[in-house]
Every structure is written in C-alpha cells, then in structure tokens.
Amino acid sequence: MGIVIFIIGLVFGLFAFSQIIYPLFSAWPRAKKLEREGKLKRPIPISTFLIAPIIWGVLMWASVLVIGKFWPENLNTYYISLVIILFVVIIQIPKQNRDLEADFKDSWKQYLKEE
C-alpha cells in the first residue's frame, strides 16, 4: 500500500503544488513587473493570484488528514512524495517555458495591452 500512497502523493502533489507555487512565485511577480512597465490596461486583482493557492492548500491539508486517518502507517511516505514533487515544481519556476508564457497571456489577456 505504501507504493500506491507514494504514487498518489506524487500525482496529487504535482497538481496541487503547480496551482499553489506558479501563481504566487511566477505569475504574480510577472504581473507586478508588467504593471511597473506600464504594459497592463489595469492592475490585475491580487485575489486572482490567491484563490487557486488557497483552494489547493485546503485540498492538500485535507489529503494529509485523510491519509493520516485511514493509513497512518503510510503518512511519512505521503510526506516524502509531496516534498519530492514540491522540489521538482520549485526547480521549474526560473526556467523559461513557452507553455507557462501562453498560459499567463491566456489567463490574464483582458488585463494586457496589445503588443
């Protein structure tokens, strides 16, 4: 069962940490930079960067509670898988990625000035 919990932690952690880390440490700073450079029609509301991390943070917390309640002997395995995937997601932040660029432009296109 430990291997299954480990794989679940990797998959769920990838989705959760991507939705937590990207908006807070990549998209929000980028939006602030564009705002300083005058490339936005109007400022992007901070709430748009906080809603997904809050929701996914609650889901992450709930997943830890579920694992701890039903499979307490595998909780450390779950933590290890989450830490591994967190490290992988954090490493990806400084890398230039066309998909993230396209996602940013698509998500906040109503705020961006035409180039």
PDB file of N, CA and C in Angstrom:
ATOM      1  N   MET A   1       0.823  -1.204   0.000  1.00  0.00           N
ATOM      2  CA  MET A   1       0.000   0.000   0.000  1.00  0.00           C
ATOM      3  C   MET A   1       0.863   1.261   0.000  1.00  0.00           C
ATOM      4  N   GLY A   2       2.070   1.145   0.550  1.00  0.00           N
ATOM      5  CA  GLY A   2       2.955   2.298   0.609  1.00  0.00           C
ATOM      6  C   GLY A   2       3.310   2.846  -0.763  1.00  0.00           C
ATOM      7  N   ILE A   3       3.492   1.959  -1.744  1.00  0.00           N
ATOM      8  CA  ILE A   3       3.834   2.399  -3.104  1.00  0.00           C
ATOM      9  C   ILE A   3       2.667   3.157  -3.717  1.00  0.00           C
ATOM     10  N   VAL A   4       1.458   2.674  -3.499  1.00  0.00           N
ATOM     11  CA  VAL A   4       0.267   3.349  -4.024  1.00  0.00           C
ATOM     12  C   VAL A   4       0.134   4.740  -3.404  1.00  0.00           C
ATOM     13  N   ILE A   5       0.324   4.836  -2.108  1.00  0.00           N
ATOM     14  CA  ILE A   5       0.257   6.135  -1.419  1.00  0.00           C
ATOM     15  C   ILE A   5       1.339   7.065  -1.957  1.00  0.00           C
ATOM     16  N   PHE A   6       2.532   6.529  -2.195  1.00  0.00           N
ATOM     17  CA  PHE A   6       3.630   7.331  -2.737  1.00  0.00           C
ATOM     18  C   PHE A   6       3.262   7.886  -4.112  1.00  0.00           C
ATOM     19  N   ILE A   7       2.720   7.043  -4.984  1.00  0.00           N
ATOM     20  CA  ILE A   7       2.334   7.483  -6.336  1.00  0.00           C
ATOM     21  C   ILE A   7       1.193   8.491  -6.267  1.00  0.00           C
ATOM     22  N   ILE A   8       0.224   8.251  -5.406  1.00  0.00           N
ATOM     23  CA  ILE A   8      -0.878   9.207  -5.226  1.00  0.00           C
ATOM     24  C   ILE A   8      -0.314  10.555  -4.765  1.00  0.00           C
ATOM     25  N   GLY A   9       0.625  10.517  -3.839  1.00  0.00           N
ATOM     26  CA  GLY A   9       1.244  11.751  -3.368  1.00  0.00           C
ATOM     27  C   GLY A   9       1.970  12.494  -4.473  1.00  0.00           C
ATOM     28  N   LEU A  10       2.663  11.763  -5.337  1.00  0.00           N
ATOM     29  CA  LEU A  10       3.363  12.405  -6.448  1.00  0.00           C
ATOM     30  C   LEU A  10       2.384  13.067  -7.410  1.00  0.00           C
ATOM     31  N   VAL A  11       1.349  12.338  -7.790  1.00  0.00           N
ATOM     32  CA  VAL A  11       0.386  12.863  -8.766  1.00  0.00           C
ATOM     33  C   VAL A  11      -0.407  14.029  -8.169  1.00  0.00           C
ATOM     34  N   PHE A  12      -0.968  13.823  -6.982  1.00  0.00           N
ATOM     35  CA  PHE A  12      -1.748  14.896  -6.360  1.00  0.00           C
ATOM     36  C   PHE A  12      -0.853  16.099  -6.046  1.00  0.00           C
ATOM     37  N   GLY A  13       0.346  15.832  -5.556  1.00  0.00           N
ATOM     38  CA  GLY A  13       1.277  16.911  -5.248  1.00  0.00           C
ATOM     39  C   GLY A  13       1.642  17.732  -6.473  1.00  0.00           C
ATOM     40  N   LEU A  14       1.790  17.068  -7.618  1.00  0.00           N
ATOM     41  CA  LEU A  14       2.111  17.788  -8.848  1.00  0.00           C
ATOM     42  C   LEU A  14       1.004  18.781  -9.191  1.00  0.00           C
ATOM     43  N   PHE A  15      -0.229  18.312  -9.156  1.00  0.00           N
ATOM     44  CA  PHE A  15      -1.351  19.209  -9.446  1.00  0.00           C
ATOM     45  C   PHE A  15      -1.455  20.322  -8.399  1.00  0.00           C
ATOM     46  N   ALA A  16      -1.403  19.949  -7.142  1.00  0.00           N
ATOM     47  CA  ALA A  16      -1.598  20.923  -6.067  1.00  0.00           C
ATOM     48  C   ALA A  16      -0.479  21.960  -6.032  1.00  0.00           C
ATOM     49  N   PHE A  17       0.762  21.499  -6.004  1.00  0.00           N
ATOM     50  CA  PHE A  17       1.866  22.454  -5.904  1.00  0.00           C
ATOM     51  C   PHE A  17       1.996  23.319  -7.145  1.00  0.00           C
ATOM     52  N   SER A  18       1.625  22.797  -8.309  1.00  0.00           N
ATOM     53  CA  SER A  18       1.633  23.625  -9.511  1.00  0.00           C
ATOM     54  C   SER A  18       0.632  24.770  -9.379  1.00  0.00           C
ATOM     55  N   GLN A  19      -0.516  24.482  -8.782  1.00  0.00           N
ATOM     56  CA  GLN A  19      -1.541  25.502  -8.605  1.00  0.00           C
ATOM     57  C   GLN A  19      -1.254  26.441  -7.435  1.00  0.00           C
ATOM     58  N   ILE A  20      -0.383  26.029  -6.542  1.00  0.00           N
ATOM     59  CA  ILE A  20      -0.014  26.873  -5.405  1.00  0.00           C
ATOM     60  C   ILE A  20       1.221  27.707  -5.732  1.00  0.00           C
ATOM     61  N   ILE A  21       2.251  27.078  -6.235  1.00  0.00           N
ATOM     62  CA  ILE A  21       3.543  27.723  -6.448  1.00  0.00           C
ATOM     63  C   ILE A  21       3.534  28.666  -7.656  1.00  0.00           C
ATOM     64  N   TYR A  22       2.994  28.221  -8.789  1.00  0.00           N
ATOM     65  CA  TYR A  22       3.039  29.043 -10.000  1.00  0.00           C
ATOM     66  C   TYR A  22       2.389  30.418  -9.822  1.00  0.00           C
ATOM     67  N   PRO A  23       1.148  30.497  -9.338  1.00  0.00           N
ATOM     68  CA  PRO A  23       0.549  31.830  -9.202  1.00  0.00           C
ATOM     69  C   PRO A  23       1.303  32.742  -8.233  1.00  0.00           C
ATOM     70  N   LEU A  24       1.780  32.186  -7.131  1.00  0.00           N
ATOM     71  CA  LEU A  24       2.404  33.025  -6.106  1.00  0.00           C
ATOM     72  C   LEU A  24       3.828  33.443  -6.441  1.00  0.00           C
ATOM     73  N   PHE A  25       4.582  32.570  -7.068  1.00  0.00           N
ATOM     74  CA  PHE A  25       6.004  32.839  -7.259  1.00  0.00           C
ATOM     75  C   PHE A  25       6.419  33.060  -8.705  1.00  0.00           C
ATOM     76  N   SER A  26       5.483  32.975  -9.626  1.00  0.00           N
ATOM     77  CA  SER A  26       5.815  33.230 -11.023  1.00  0.00           C
ATOM     78  C   SER A  26       4.852  34.245 -11.638  1.00  0.00           C
ATOM     79  N   ALA A  27       3.569  33.919 -11.610  1.00  0.00           N
ATOM     80  CA  ALA A  27       2.590  34.782 -12.271  1.00  0.00           C
ATOM     81  C   ALA A  27       2.416  36.132 -11.575  1.00  0.00           C
ATOM     82  N   TRP A  28       2.304  36.119 -10.257  1.00  0.00           N
ATOM     83  CA  TRP A  28       2.105  37.378  -9.525  1.00  0.00           C
ATOM     84  C   TRP A  28       3.295  38.321  -9.691  1.00  0.00           C
ATOM     85  N   PRO A  29       4.531  37.859  -9.482  1.00  0.00           N
ATOM     86  CA  PRO A  29       5.670  38.753  -9.713  1.00  0.00           C
ATOM     87  C   PRO A  29       5.737  39.255 -11.157  1.00  0.00           C
ATOM     88  N   ARG A  30       5.381  38.389 -12.096  1.00  0.00           N
ATOM     89  CA  ARG A  30       5.395  38.806 -13.504  1.00  0.00           C
ATOM     90  C   ARG A  30       4.354  39.891 -13.754  1.00  0.00           C
ATOM     91  N   ALA A  31       3.176  39.742 -13.173  1.00  0.00           N
ATOM     92  CA  ALA A  31       2.122  40.750 -13.325  1.00  0.00           C
ATOM     93  C   ALA A  31       2.559  42.077 -12.718  1.00  0.00           C
ATOM     94  N   LYS A  32       3.221  42.026 -11.556  1.00  0.00           N
ATOM     95  CA  LYS A  32       3.709  43.260 -10.930  1.00  0.00           C
ATOM     96  C   LYS A  32       4.760  43.934 -11.812  1.00  0.00           C
ATOM     97  N   LYS A  33       5.611  43.143 -12.434  1.00  0.00           N
ATOM     98  CA  LYS A  33       6.628  43.690 -13.337  1.00  0.00           C
ATOM     99  C   LYS A  33       5.969  44.357 -14.543  1.00  0.00           C
ATOM    100  N   LEU A  34       4.974  43.696 -15.128  1.00  0.00           N
ATOM    101  CA  LEU A  34       4.264  44.283 -16.266  1.00  0.00           C
ATOM    102  C   LEU A  34       3.527  45.560 -15.866  1.00  0.00           C
ATOM    103  N   GLU A  35       3.016  45.575 -14.644  1.00  0.00           N
ATOM    104  CA  GLU A  35       2.336  46.772 -14.146  1.00  0.00           C
ATOM    105  C   GLU A  35       3.323  47.937 -14.022  1.00  0.00           C
ATOM    106  N   ARG A  36       4.513  47.664 -13.469  1.00  0.00           N
ATOM    107  CA  ARG A  36       5.541  48.717 -13.344  1.00  0.00           C
ATOM    108  C   ARG A  36       5.991  49.222 -14.712  1.00  0.00           C
ATOM    109  N   GLU A  37       6.022  48.321 -15.704  1.00  0.00           N
ATOM    110  CA  GLU A  37       6.455  48.695 -17.049  1.00  0.00           C
ATOM    111  C   GLU A  37       5.341  49.344 -17.858  1.00  0.00           C
ATOM    112  N   GLY A  38       4.138  49.420 -17.305  1.00  0.00           N
ATOM    113  CA  GLY A  38       3.021  50.057 -17.987  1.00  0.00           C
ATOM    114  C   GLY A  38       2.433  49.211 -19.108  1.00  0.00           C
ATOM    115  N   LYS A  39       2.556  47.896 -19.014  1.00  0.00           N
ATOM    116  CA  LYS A  39       2.068  47.008 -20.063  1.00  0.00           C
ATOM    117  C   LYS A  39       0.703  46.404 -19.753  1.00  0.00           C
ATOM    118  N   LEU A  40       0.049  46.928 -18.725  1.00  0.00           N
ATOM    119  CA  LEU A  40      -1.279  46.444 -18.369  1.00  0.00           C
ATOM    120  C   LEU A  40      -2.307  47.549 -18.580  1.00  0.00           C
ATOM    121  N   LYS A  41      -3.497  47.165 -19.021  1.00  0.00           N
ATOM    122  CA  LYS A  41      -4.600  48.111 -19.162  1.00  0.00           C
ATOM    123  C   LYS A  41      -5.023  48.618 -17.789  1.00  0.00           C
ATOM    124  N   ARG A  42      -5.091  47.677 -16.836  1.00  0.00           N
ATOM    125  CA  ARG A  42      -5.412  47.987 -15.444  1.00  0.00           C
ATOM    126  C   ARG A  42      -4.747  46.915 -14.582  1.00  0.00           C
ATOM    127  N   PRO A  43      -4.510  47.212 -13.315  1.00  0.00           N
ATOM    128  CA  PRO A  43      -3.852  46.217 -12.450  1.00  0.00           C
ATOM    129  C   PRO A  43      -4.686  44.937 -12.323  1.00  0.00           C
ATOM    130  N   ILE A  44      -3.990  43.810 -12.270  1.00  0.00           N
ATOM    131  CA  ILE A  44      -4.652  42.525 -12.075  1.00  0.00           C
ATOM    132  C   ILE A  44      -4.960  42.383 -10.584  1.00  0.00           C
ATOM    133  N   PRO A  45      -6.211  42.091 -10.225  1.00  0.00           N
ATOM    134  CA  PRO A  45      -6.557  41.957  -8.804  1.00  0.00           C
ATOM    135  C   PRO A  45      -5.748  40.845  -8.130  1.00  0.00           C
ATOM    136  N   ILE A  46      -5.287  41.123  -6.928  1.00  0.00           N
ATOM    137  CA  ILE A  46      -4.486  40.160  -6.177  1.00  0.00           C
ATOM    138  C   ILE A  46      -5.278  38.879  -5.927  1.00  0.00           C
ATOM    139  N   SER A  47      -6.565  39.001  -5.776  1.00  0.00           N
ATOM    140  CA  SER A  47      -7.388  37.819  -5.487  1.00  0.00           C
ATOM    141  C   SER A  47      -7.274  36.760  -6.574  1.00  0.00           C
ATOM    142  N   THR A  48      -7.024  37.170  -7.815  1.00  0.00           N
ATOM    143  CA  THR A  48      -6.899  36.180  -8.882  1.00  0.00           C
ATOM    144  C   THR A  48      -5.672  35.297  -8.693  1.00  0.00           C
ATOM    145  N   PHE A  49      -4.685  35.792  -7.970  1.00  0.00           N
ATOM    146  CA  PHE A  49      -3.481  35.009  -7.707  1.00  0.00           C
ATOM    147  C   PHE A  49      -3.589  34.206  -6.418  1.00  0.00           C
ATOM    148  N   LEU A  50      -4.552  34.531  -5.581  1.00  0.00           N
ATOM    149  CA  LEU A  50      -4.663  33.888  -4.275  1.00  0.00           C
ATOM    150  C   LEU A  50      -5.739  32.812  -4.190  1.00  0.00           C
ATOM    151  N   ILE A  51      -6.743  32.868  -5.040  1.00  0.00           N
ATOM    152  CA  ILE A  51      -7.864  31.934  -4.943  1.00  0.00           C
ATOM    153  C   ILE A  51      -7.410  30.491  -5.157  1.00  0.00           C
ATOM    154  N   ALA A  52      -6.707  30.225  -6.255  1.00  0.00           N
ATOM    155  CA  ALA A  52      -6.272  28.844  -6.528  1.00  0.00           C
ATOM    156  C   ALA A  52      -5.331  28.309  -5.453  1.00  0.00           C
ATOM    157  N   PRO A  53      -4.316  29.073  -5.014  1.00  0.00           N
ATOM    158  CA  PRO A  53      -3.460  28.543  -3.948  1.00  0.00           C
ATOM    159  C   PRO A  53      -4.208  28.240  -2.656  1.00  0.00           C
ATOM    160  N   ILE A  54      -5.191  29.058  -2.318  1.00  0.00           N
ATOM    161  CA  ILE A  54      -5.961  28.806  -1.097  1.00  0.00           C
ATOM    162  C   ILE A  54      -6.772  27.517  -1.242  1.00  0.00           C
ATOM    163  N   ILE A  55      -7.457  27.367  -2.363  1.00  0.00           N
ATOM    164  CA  ILE A  55      -8.267  26.167  -2.585  1.00  0.00           C
ATOM    165  C   ILE A  55      -7.384  24.914  -2.576  1.00  0.00           C
ATOM    166  N   TRP A  56      -6.279  24.966  -3.311  1.00  0.00           N
ATOM    167  CA  TRP A  56      -5.403  23.794  -3.384  1.00  0.00           C
ATOM    168  C   TRP A  56      -4.676  23.552  -2.065  1.00  0.00           C
ATOM    169  N   GLY A  57      -4.416  24.596  -1.313  1.00  0.00           N
ATOM    170  CA  GLY A  57      -3.821  24.416   0.009  1.00  0.00           C
ATOM    171  C   GLY A  57      -4.763  23.683   0.946  1.00  0.00           C
ATOM    172  N   VAL A  58      -6.052  24.029   0.888  1.00  0.00           N
ATOM    173  CA  VAL A  58      -7.055  23.337   1.703  1.00  0.00           C
ATOM    174  C   VAL A  58      -7.176  21.874   1.261  1.00  0.00           C
ATOM    175  N   LEU A  59      -7.172  21.650  -0.045  1.00  0.00           N
ATOM    176  CA  LEU A  59      -7.235  20.272  -0.545  1.00  0.00           C
ATOM    177  C   LEU A  59      -6.008  19.466  -0.118  1.00  0.00           C
ATOM    178  N   MET A  60      -4.843  20.116  -0.133  1.00  0.00           N
ATOM    179  CA  MET A  60      -3.613  19.436   0.303  1.00  0.00           C
ATOM    180  C   MET A  60      -3.706  19.075   1.783  1.00  0.00           C
ATOM    181  N   TRP A  61      -4.156  20.008   2.580  1.00  0.00           N
ATOM    182  CA  TRP A  61      -4.334  19.764   4.016  1.00  0.00           C
ATOM    183  C   TRP A  61      -5.323  18.626   4.241  1.00  0.00           C
ATOM    184  N   ALA A  62      -6.438  18.626   3.487  1.00  0.00           N
ATOM    185  CA  ALA A  62      -7.443  17.570   3.620  1.00  0.00           C
ATOM    186  C   ALA A  62      -6.869  16.211   3.216  1.00  0.00           C
ATOM    187  N   SER A  63      -6.039  16.201   2.190  1.00  0.00           N
ATOM    188  CA  SER A  63      -5.448  14.924   1.763  1.00  0.00           C
ATOM    189  C   SER A  63      -4.536  14.360   2.842  1.00  0.00           C
ATOM    190  N   VAL A  64      -3.788  15.220   3.513  1.00  0.00           N
ATOM    191  CA  VAL A  64      -2.927  14.760   4.610  1.00  0.00           C
ATOM    192  C   VAL A  64      -3.779  14.198   5.747  1.00  0.00           C
ATOM    193  N   LEU A  65      -4.895  14.852   6.047  1.00  0.00           N
ATOM    194  CA  LEU A  65      -5.791  14.349   7.092  1.00  0.00           C
ATOM    195  C   LEU A  65      -6.371  12.979   6.723  1.00  0.00           C
ATOM    196  N   VAL A  66      -6.758  12.816   5.462  1.00  0.00           N
ATOM    197  CA  VAL A  66      -7.333  11.538   5.017  1.00  0.00           C
ATOM    198  C   VAL A  66      -6.297  10.424   5.103  1.00  0.00           C
ATOM    199  N   ILE A  67      -5.098  10.687   4.611  1.00  0.00           N
ATOM    200  CA  ILE A  67      -4.033   9.676   4.679  1.00  0.00           C
ATOM    201  C   ILE A  67      -3.724   9.356   6.139  1.00  0.00           C
ATOM    202  N   GLY A  68      -3.624  10.374   6.967  1.00  0.00           N
ATOM    203  CA  GLY A  68      -3.328  10.169   8.379  1.00  0.00           C
ATOM    204  C   GLY A  68      -4.410   9.387   9.115  1.00  0.00           C
ATOM    205  N   LYS A  69      -5.661   9.564   8.706  1.00  0.00           N
ATOM    206  CA  LYS A  69      -6.762   8.872   9.382  1.00  0.00           C
ATOM    207  C   LYS A  69      -6.881   7.420   8.934  1.00  0.00           C
ATOM    208  N   PHE A  70      -6.791   7.177   7.623  1.00  0.00           N
ATOM    209  CA  PHE A  70      -7.035   5.839   7.107  1.00  0.00           C
ATOM    210  C   PHE A  70      -5.769   4.992   6.937  1.00  0.00           C
ATOM    211  N   TRP A  71      -4.648   5.624   6.692  1.00  0.00           N
ATOM    212  CA  TRP A  71      -3.392   4.892   6.501  1.00  0.00           C
ATOM    213  C   TRP A  71      -2.264   5.588   7.258  1.00  0.00           C
ATOM    214  N   PRO A  72      -2.370   5.681   8.573  1.00  0.00           N
ATOM    215  CA  PRO A  72      -1.363   6.428   9.341  1.00  0.00           C
ATOM    216  C   PRO A  72       0.052   5.858   9.200  1.00  0.00           C
ATOM    217  N   GLU A  73       0.166   4.571   8.929  1.00  0.00           N
ATOM    218  CA  GLU A  73       1.495   3.985   8.767  1.00  0.00           C
ATOM    219  C   GLU A  73       2.179   4.442   7.474  1.00  0.00           C
ATOM    220  N   ASN A  74       1.408   5.015   6.544  1.00  0.00           N
ATOM    221  CA  ASN A  74       1.964   5.496   5.273  1.00  0.00           C
ATOM    222  C   ASN A  74       2.040   7.021   5.196  1.00  0.00           C
ATOM    223  N   LEU A  75       1.784   7.695   6.285  1.00  0.00           N
ATOM    224  CA  LEU A  75       1.790   9.153   6.268  1.00  0.00           C
ATOM    225  C   LEU A  75       3.173   9.706   5.935  1.00  0.00           C
ATOM    226  N   ASN A  76       4.215   9.119   6.483  1.00  0.00           N
ATOM    227  CA  ASN A  76       5.575   9.585   6.158  1.00  0.00           C
ATOM    228  C   ASN A  76       5.890   9.384   4.688  1.00  0.00           C
ATOM    229  N   THR A  77       5.430   8.284   4.108  1.00  0.00           N
ATOM    230  CA  THR A  77       5.615   8.040   2.678  1.00  0.00           C
ATOM    231  C   THR A  77       4.927   9.130   1.873  1.00  0.00           C
ATOM    232  N   TYR A  78       3.739   9.494   2.282  1.00  0.00           N
ATOM    233  CA  TYR A  78       2.988  10.552   1.603  1.00  0.00           C
ATOM    234  C   TYR A  78       3.730  11.885   1.709  1.00  0.00           C
ATOM    235  N   TYR A  79       4.220  12.198   2.895  1.00  0.00           N
ATOM    236  CA  TYR A  79       5.004  13.431   3.079  1.00  0.00           C
ATOM    237  C   TYR A  79       6.236  13.443   2.180  1.00  0.00           C
ATOM    238  N   ILE A  80       6.929  12.322   2.100  1.00  0.00           N
ATOM    239  CA  ILE A  80       8.136  12.247   1.267  1.00  0.00           C
ATOM    240  C   ILE A  80       7.788  12.501  -0.192  1.00  0.00           C
ATOM    241  N   SER A  81       6.703  11.904  -0.680  1.00  0.00           N
ATOM    242  CA  SER A  81       6.306  12.124  -2.077  1.00  0.00           C
ATOM    243  C   SER A  81       5.946  13.592  -2.314  1.00  0.00           C
ATOM    244  N   LEU A  82       5.287  14.226  -1.352  1.00  0.00           N
ATOM    245  CA  LEU A  82       4.935  15.635  -1.506  1.00  0.00           C
ATOM    246  C   LEU A  82       6.173  16.528  -1.509  1.00  0.00           C
ATOM    247  N   VAL A  83       7.135  16.221  -0.673  1.00  0.00           N
ATOM    248  CA  VAL A  83       8.370  17.017  -0.628  1.00  0.00           C
ATOM    249  C   VAL A  83       9.149  16.863  -1.932  1.00  0.00           C
ATOM    250  N   ILE A  84       9.205  15.656  -2.461  1.00  0.00           N
ATOM    251  CA  ILE A  84       9.905  15.431  -3.734  1.00  0.00           C
ATOM    252  C   ILE A  84       9.261  16.250  -4.838  1.00  0.00           C
ATOM    253  N   ILE A  85       7.947  16.196  -4.942  1.00  0.00           N
ATOM    254  CA  ILE A  85       7.267  16.907  -6.018  1.00  0.00           C
ATOM    255  C   ILE A  85       7.330  18.410  -5.803  1.00  0.00           C
ATOM    256  N   LEU A  86       7.309  18.867  -4.549  1.00  0.00           N
ATOM    257  CA  LEU A  86       7.472  20.292  -4.266  1.00  0.00           C
ATOM    258  C   LEU A  86       8.824  20.778  -4.781  1.00  0.00           C
ATOM    259  N   PHE A  87       9.858  20.007  -4.528  1.00  0.00           N
ATOM    260  CA  PHE A  87      11.198  20.343  -5.007  1.00  0.00           C
ATOM    261  C   PHE A  87      11.214  20.423  -6.537  1.00  0.00           C
ATOM    262  N   VAL A  88      10.573  19.462  -7.211  1.00  0.00           N
ATOM    263  CA  VAL A  88      10.521  19.454  -8.679  1.00  0.00           C
ATOM    264  C   VAL A  88       9.799  20.697  -9.202  1.00  0.00           C
ATOM    265  N   VAL A  89       8.692  21.051  -8.591  1.00  0.00           N
ATOM    266  CA  VAL A  89       7.916  22.215  -9.045  1.00  0.00           C
ATOM    267  C   VAL A  89       8.701  23.502  -8.811  1.00  0.00           C
ATOM    268  N   ILE A  90       9.357  23.628  -7.672  1.00  0.00           N
ATOM    269  CA  ILE A  90      10.125  24.838  -7.373  1.00  0.00           C
ATOM    270  C   ILE A  90      11.285  25.004  -8.350  1.00  0.00           C
ATOM    271  N   ILE A  91      11.915  23.921  -8.731  1.00  0.00           N
ATOM    272  CA  ILE A  91      13.032  23.987  -9.683  1.00  0.00           C
ATOM    273  C   ILE A  91      12.567  24.533 -11.038  1.00  0.00           C
ATOM    274  N   GLN A  92      11.325  24.286 -11.397  1.00  0.00           N
ATOM    275  CA  GLN A  92      10.806  24.702 -12.700  1.00  0.00           C
ATOM    276  C   GLN A  92      10.482  26.197 -12.783  1.00  0.00           C
ATOM    277  N   ILE A  93      10.371  26.876 -11.654  1.00  0.00           N
ATOM    278  CA  ILE A  93       9.946  28.283 -11.661  1.00  0.00           C
ATOM    279  C   ILE A  93      10.870  29.185 -12.480  1.00  0.00           C
ATOM    280  N   PRO A  94      12.184  29.164 -12.274  1.00  0.00           N
ATOM    281  CA  PRO A  94      13.012  30.118 -13.016  1.00  0.00           C
ATOM    282  C   PRO A  94      13.204  29.775 -14.493  1.00  0.00           C
ATOM    283  N   LYS A  95      12.860  28.579 -14.909  1.00  0.00           N
ATOM    284  CA  LYS A  95      13.049  28.175 -16.298  1.00  0.00           C
ATOM    285  C   LYS A  95      12.029  28.862 -17.196  1.00  0.00           C
ATOM    286  N   GLN A  96      12.479  29.259 -18.361  1.00  0.00           N
ATOM    287  CA  GLN A  96      11.579  29.845 -19.347  1.00  0.00           C
ATOM    288  C   GLN A  96      10.788  28.721 -19.998  1.00  0.00           C
ATOM    289  N   ASN A  97       9.485  28.855 -20.028  1.00  0.00           N
ATOM    290  CA  ASN A  97       8.629  27.820 -20.562  1.00  0.00           C
ATOM    291  C   ASN A  97       7.551  28.478 -21.420  1.00  0.00           C
ATOM    292  N   ARG A  98       7.497  28.083 -22.678  1.00  0.00           N
ATOM    293  CA  ARG A  98       6.514  28.680 -23.588  1.00  0.00           C
ATOM    294  C   ARG A  98       5.084  28.365 -23.164  1.00  0.00           C
ATOM    295  N   ASP A  99       4.870  27.184 -22.595  1.00  0.00           N
ATOM    296  CA  ASP A  99       3.516  26.831 -22.152  1.00  0.00           C
ATOM    297  C   ASP A  99       3.058  27.741 -21.014  1.00  0.00           C
ATOM    298  N   LEU A 100       3.960  28.025 -20.068  1.00  0.00           N
ATOM    299  CA  LEU A 100       3.611  28.929 -18.968  1.00  0.00           C
ATOM    300  C   LEU A 100       3.383  30.340 -19.487  1.00  0.00           C
ATOM    301  N   GLU A 101       4.182  30.747 -20.465  1.00  0.00           N
ATOM    302  CA  GLU A 101       4.016  32.068 -21.087  1.00  0.00           C
ATOM    303  C   GLU A 101       2.639  32.168 -21.746  1.00  0.00           C
ATOM    304  N   ALA A 102       2.282  31.156 -22.518  1.00  0.00           N
ATOM    305  CA  ALA A 102       0.981  31.143 -23.191  1.00  0.00           C
ATOM    306  C   ALA A 102      -0.159  31.089 -22.171  1.00  0.00           C
ATOM    307  N   ASP A 103       0.019  30.323 -21.117  1.00  0.00           N
ATOM    308  CA  ASP A 103      -0.997  30.228 -20.069  1.00  0.00           C
ATOM    309  C   ASP A 103      -1.197  31.579 -19.382  1.00  0.00           C
ATOM    310  N   PHE A 104      -0.102  32.272 -19.098  1.00  0.00           N
ATOM    311  CA  PHE A 104      -0.192  33.586 -18.472  1.00  0.00           C
ATOM    312  C   PHE A 104      -0.971  34.545 -19.376  1.00  0.00           C
ATOM    313  N   LYS A 105      -0.594  34.591 -20.639  1.00  0.00           N
ATOM    314  CA  LYS A 105      -1.264  35.506 -21.574  1.00  0.00           C
ATOM    315  C   LYS A 105      -2.735  35.149 -21.737  1.00  0.00           C
ATOM    316  N   ASP A 106      -3.043  33.869 -21.759  1.00  0.00           N
ATOM    317  CA  ASP A 106      -4.430  33.444 -21.917  1.00  0.00           C
ATOM    318  C   ASP A 106      -5.251  33.740 -20.662  1.00  0.00           C
ATOM    319  N   SER A 107      -4.665  33.505 -19.503  1.00  0.00           N
ATOM    320  CA  SER A 107      -5.389  33.694 -18.246  1.00  0.00           C
ATOM    321  C   SER A 107      -5.705  35.159 -17.961  1.00  0.00           C
ATOM    322  N   TRP A 108      -4.802  36.040 -18.296  1.00  0.00           N
ATOM    323  CA  TRP A 108      -4.969  37.451 -17.952  1.00  0.00           C
ATOM    324  C   TRP A 108      -4.961  38.361 -19.177  1.00  0.00           C
ATOM    325  N   LYS A 109      -5.449  37.844 -20.303  1.00  0.00           N
ATOM    326  CA  LYS A 109      -5.427  38.629 -21.538  1.00  0.00           C
ATOM    327  C   LYS A 109      -6.267  39.900 -21.456  1.00  0.00           C
ATOM    328  N   GLN A 110      -7.345  39.892 -20.651  1.00  0.00           N
ATOM    329  CA  GLN A 110      -8.166  41.094 -20.548  1.00  0.00           C
ATOM    330  C   GLN A 110      -7.454  42.249 -19.857  1.00  0.00           C
ATOM    331  N   TYR A 111      -6.340  41.961 -19.159  1.00  0.00           N
ATOM    332  CA  TYR A 111      -5.584  42.991 -18.469  1.00  0.00           C
ATOM    333  C   TYR A 111      -4.372  43.463 -19.273  1.00  0.00           C
ATOM    334  N   LEU A 112      -3.949  42.681 -20.253  1.00  0.00           N
ATOM    335  CA  LEU A 112      -2.738  43.003 -21.005  1.00  0.00           C
ATOM    336  C   LEU A 112      -3.016  43.960 -22.145  1.00  0.00           C
ATOM    337  N   LYS A 113      -2.112  44.898 -22.345  1.00  0.00           N
ATOM    338  CA  LYS A 113      -2.202  45.783 -23.503  1.00  0.00           C
ATOM    339  C   LYS A 113      -1.751  45.011 -24.737  1.00  0.00           C
ATOM    340  N   GLU A 114      -2.305  45.384 -25.860  1.00  0.00           N
ATOM    341  CA  GLU A 114      -1.907  44.757 -27.125  1.00  0.00           C
ATOM    342  C   GLU A 114      -0.465  45.127 -27.448  1.00  0.00           C
ATOM    343  N   GLU A 115       0.293  44.135 -27.898  1.00  0.00           N
ATOM    344  CA  GLU A 115       1.705  44.402 -28.196  1.00  0.00           C
ATOM    345  C   GLU A 115       1.909  44.713 -29.650  1.00  0.00           C
TER     346      GLU A 115
END
